[in-house]
Protein backbone atom coordinates (compact mmCIF):
# COMPACT_ATOMS: atom_id res chain seq x y z
CA UNK A 1 -0.02 -0.02 0.09
CA UNK A 2 1.31 3.44 -0.96
CA UNK A 3 2.41 5.87 1.86
CA UNK A 4 -0.23 8.71 2.44
CA UNK A 5 1.92 11.86 2.86
CA UNK A 6 0.05 14.89 3.48
CA UNK A 7 0.73 18.27 2.04
CA UNK A 8 -1.30 19.95 4.84
CA UNK A 9 1.43 20.84 7.08
CA UNK A 10 1.40 24.17 8.95
CA UNK A 11 4.96 25.16 7.41
CA UNK A 12 3.70 24.66 3.90
CA UNK A 13 0.40 26.56 4.48
CA UNK A 14 2.48 29.52 6.11
CA UNK A 15 4.90 29.33 3.31
CA UNK A 16 2.21 29.53 0.47
CA UNK A 17 0.61 32.64 2.48
CA UNK A 18 3.94 34.50 2.79
CA UNK A 19 4.68 34.12 -0.86
CA UNK A 20 1.29 35.06 -1.88
CA UNK A 21 1.50 38.31 0.26
CA UNK A 22 4.93 39.07 -1.06
CA UNK A 23 3.74 38.73 -4.54
CA UNK A 24 0.62 40.76 -4.07
CA UNK A 25 2.46 43.54 -2.28
CA UNK A 26 5.13 43.87 -4.92
CA UNK A 27 2.49 44.21 -7.68
CA UNK A 28 0.45 46.80 -5.43
CA UNK A 29 3.75 48.57 -4.60
CA UNK A 30 4.77 48.54 -8.41
CA UNK A 31 1.22 49.65 -9.85
CA UNK A 32 1.27 52.62 -7.28
CA UNK A 33 4.92 53.87 -8.40
CA UNK A 34 3.99 53.04 -11.95
CA UNK A 35 0.90 54.97 -12.05
CA UNK A 36 1.87 58.04 -9.95
CA UNK A 37 2.74 60.38 -12.91
CA UNK A 38 -0.53 59.34 -14.62
CA UNK A 39 -2.45 60.04 -11.43
CA UNK A 40 -0.97 63.53 -11.06
CA UNK A 41 -1.60 64.33 -14.94
CA UNK A 42 -5.47 63.24 -14.07
CA UNK A 43 -5.31 65.46 -11.23
CA UNK A 44 -3.90 68.33 -13.20
CA UNK A 45 -6.60 67.68 -15.81
CA UNK A 46 -9.58 67.51 -13.34
CA UNK A 47 -8.37 70.89 -11.64
CA UNK A 48 -8.25 72.40 -15.42
CA UNK A 49 -11.66 70.98 -16.09
CA UNK A 50 -13.31 72.64 -12.71
CA UNK A 51 -11.45 75.80 -13.48
CA UNK A 52 -12.99 76.06 -17.12
CA UNK A 53 -16.49 74.84 -15.78
CA UNK A 54 -16.56 77.59 -13.25
CA UNK A 55 -15.29 80.31 -15.75
CA UNK A 56 -18.32 79.01 -18.17
CA UNK A 57 -15.76 77.72 -20.65
CA UNK A 58 -16.19 73.95 -20.31
CA UNK A 59 -18.15 72.26 -22.92
CA UNK A 60 -19.99 68.62 -22.43
CA UNK A 61 -17.57 65.76 -24.22
CA UNK A 62 -14.28 67.93 -24.19
CA UNK A 63 -11.19 65.93 -24.58
CA UNK A 64 -8.05 66.25 -22.56
CA UNK A 65 -6.35 67.92 -25.59
CA UNK A 66 -9.27 70.48 -25.97
CA UNK A 67 -9.20 71.30 -22.18
CA UNK A 68 -5.63 71.86 -22.10
CA UNK A 69 -5.76 74.30 -25.23
CA UNK A 70 -8.37 76.29 -23.92
CA UNK A 71 -7.03 76.46 -20.46
CA UNK A 72 -3.82 77.71 -22.08
CA UNK A 73 -5.65 80.19 -24.17
CA UNK A 74 -7.93 81.71 -21.61
CA UNK A 75 -6.59 81.05 -18.07
CA UNK A 76 -3.52 82.81 -16.64
CA UNK A 77 -2.71 81.14 -13.03
CA UNK A 78 -1.04 83.97 -11.11
CA UNK A 79 0.12 84.14 -7.48
CA UNK A 80 -1.26 86.74 -4.92
CA UNK A 81 -0.11 88.20 -1.67
CA UNK A 82 -2.96 87.87 0.62
CA UNK A 83 -2.01 90.60 2.80
CA UNK A 84 -1.55 93.46 0.12
CA UNK A 85 -3.51 92.07 -2.85
CA UNK A 86 -0.48 92.29 -5.15
CA UNK A 87 0.19 89.97 -8.07
CA UNK A 88 3.56 88.50 -7.59
CA UNK A 89 6.18 87.62 -10.41
CA UNK A 90 6.50 84.00 -9.04
CA UNK A 91 5.91 80.83 -10.95
CA UNK A 92 2.72 79.28 -9.90
CA UNK A 93 3.72 76.11 -10.86
CA UNK A 94 6.20 76.12 -8.09
CA UNK A 95 3.73 77.15 -5.25
CA UNK A 96 2.35 74.42 -3.05
CA UNK A 97 -0.17 75.57 -0.92
CA UNK A 98 -0.34 72.45 1.38
CA UNK A 99 3.33 73.09 2.34
CA UNK A 100 2.76 76.49 2.80
CA UNK A 101 0.06 76.01 5.24
CA UNK A 102 2.45 73.83 7.39
CA UNK A 103 5.10 76.44 7.43
CA UNK A 104 4.77 79.34 9.93
CA UNK A 105 6.78 81.41 7.79
CA UNK A 106 4.56 81.17 4.82
CA UNK A 107 1.14 81.07 6.76
CA UNK A 108 -0.77 83.04 9.12
CA UNK A 109 -2.70 81.79 12.41
CA UNK A 110 -6.06 82.79 12.08
CA UNK A 111 -7.97 83.89 15.13
CA UNK A 112 -11.83 82.81 15.58
CA UNK A 113 -13.18 86.00 14.44
CA UNK A 114 -11.20 86.01 11.14
CA UNK A 115 -12.09 82.21 10.55
CA UNK A 116 -15.53 81.70 9.82
CA UNK A 117 -14.70 78.69 7.44
CA UNK A 118 -12.89 76.88 10.38
CA UNK A 119 -9.60 76.50 8.68
CA UNK A 120 -7.20 77.66 11.47
CA UNK A 121 -4.35 78.87 9.18
CA UNK A 122 -4.05 80.37 5.64
CA UNK A 123 -1.10 80.73 3.43
CA UNK A 124 0.22 84.22 2.91
CA UNK A 125 0.11 83.55 -0.76
CA UNK A 126 -2.76 81.84 -2.97
CA UNK A 127 -2.99 81.06 -6.61
CA UNK A 128 -5.76 82.48 -8.59
CA UNK A 129 -6.80 82.21 -12.26
CA UNK A 130 -7.47 85.28 -14.43
CA UNK A 131 -9.93 84.38 -17.24
CA UNK A 132 -9.25 86.25 -20.44
CA UNK A 133 -11.41 86.58 -23.52
CA UNK A 134 -10.30 86.41 -27.12
CA UNK A 135 -8.57 89.77 -26.89
CA UNK A 136 -6.82 88.85 -23.94
CA UNK A 137 -8.91 91.35 -21.73
CA UNK A 138 -9.67 89.90 -18.03
CA UNK A 139 -13.22 88.96 -17.84
CA UNK A 140 -13.36 87.17 -14.47
CA UNK A 141 -11.10 86.16 -11.60
CA UNK A 142 -11.30 82.43 -10.20
CA UNK A 143 -10.43 81.99 -6.58
CA UNK A 144 -9.70 78.67 -4.72
CA UNK A 145 -11.90 78.50 -1.77
CA UNK A 146 -12.00 75.90 0.97
CA UNK A 147 -13.69 75.60 4.45
CA UNK A 148 -14.58 72.99 6.88
CA UNK A 149 -18.04 71.26 6.09
CA UNK A 150 -19.98 68.80 8.28
CA UNK A 151 -17.59 65.99 8.10
CA UNK A 152 -14.61 67.12 5.80
CA UNK A 153 -12.75 70.04 4.35
CA UNK A 154 -14.64 70.88 1.22
CA UNK A 155 -12.57 72.46 -1.63
CA UNK A 156 -14.09 74.65 -4.40
CA UNK A 157 -13.37 77.33 -7.08
CA UNK A 158 -15.45 80.63 -7.12
CA UNK A 159 -15.61 82.79 -10.37
CA UNK A 160 -15.79 86.55 -9.59
CA UNK A 161 -16.58 89.31 -12.03
CA UNK A 162 -14.26 91.82 -12.80
CA UNK A 163 -15.43 93.99 -9.86
CA UNK A 164 -14.11 91.49 -7.51
CA UNK A 165 -17.24 91.25 -5.58
CA UNK A 166 -20.03 89.45 -7.64
CA UNK A 167 -20.15 85.79 -8.00
CA UNK A 168 -20.26 84.51 -11.38
CA UNK A 169 -20.18 80.83 -10.60
CA UNK A 170 -18.97 78.12 -7.99
CA UNK A 171 -18.06 74.48 -8.17
CA UNK A 172 -17.00 72.07 -5.59
CA UNK A 173 -14.12 69.73 -6.73
CA UNK A 174 -13.27 67.74 -3.61
CA UNK A 175 -14.99 66.90 -0.35
CA UNK A 176 -15.77 64.01 1.90
CA UNK A 177 -19.46 64.70 2.68
CA UNK A 178 -22.28 62.24 2.91
CA UNK A 179 -24.08 61.74 -0.46
CA UNK A 180 -26.85 64.05 0.98
CA UNK A 181 -24.75 67.06 1.41
CA UNK A 182 -22.11 66.14 -1.17
CA UNK A 183 -24.99 65.51 -3.56
CA UNK A 184 -26.59 68.84 -3.02
CA UNK A 185 -23.58 71.03 -3.47
CA UNK A 186 -23.09 69.47 -6.72
CA UNK A 187 -26.77 70.52 -7.58
CA UNK A 188 -26.61 73.11 -10.44
CA UNK A 189 -29.87 74.83 -8.87
CA UNK A 190 -28.25 74.99 -5.43
CA UNK A 191 -25.06 76.47 -6.96
CA UNK A 192 -27.04 78.99 -9.15
CA UNK A 193 -28.21 80.69 -5.77
CA UNK A 194 -24.64 82.26 -5.53
CA UNK A 195 -24.69 83.67 -8.91
CA UNK A 196 -24.90 87.33 -9.04
CA UNK A 197 -24.54 88.04 -5.41
């Protein structure tokens, strides 16, 4: 009679589990590293789409190339000193607001009376977007805004008329709110209530 050797030992089971975990972790890590540049490109494209949307320049079904072309032709990213309101001659592409908020030299601690959005700190510099027409005349200014919602920080772009006071449009592009509140801030009728104010 043939000897019955079992392959069900604890050592062999652990070896299979460890090898499987190692292979899976290598695949996941490789994918994350390999797709990082693509994710950054998609974030930049999403940002451009949202800026064009709030500026009224986004059309249904635009390709990534069309978005990039219209953005380049009509949108001028600029940095502004929030204390003085002066436009700065610095490269907006090198500005990182998240890093500026963490650096006490590049940000300001807000007092409760100055902080209705509950953000606690604001950077000294902000990136804004000048929207130009075909003749390169400024038609509106798009400002990034953010503040605490019920469950998370909500990020939006608000477009202002050239008077700097009248809202032309608003779009929220990042939030972690529940579907109820999150769905409402994406509702065009709800966003329309701010236009002209």
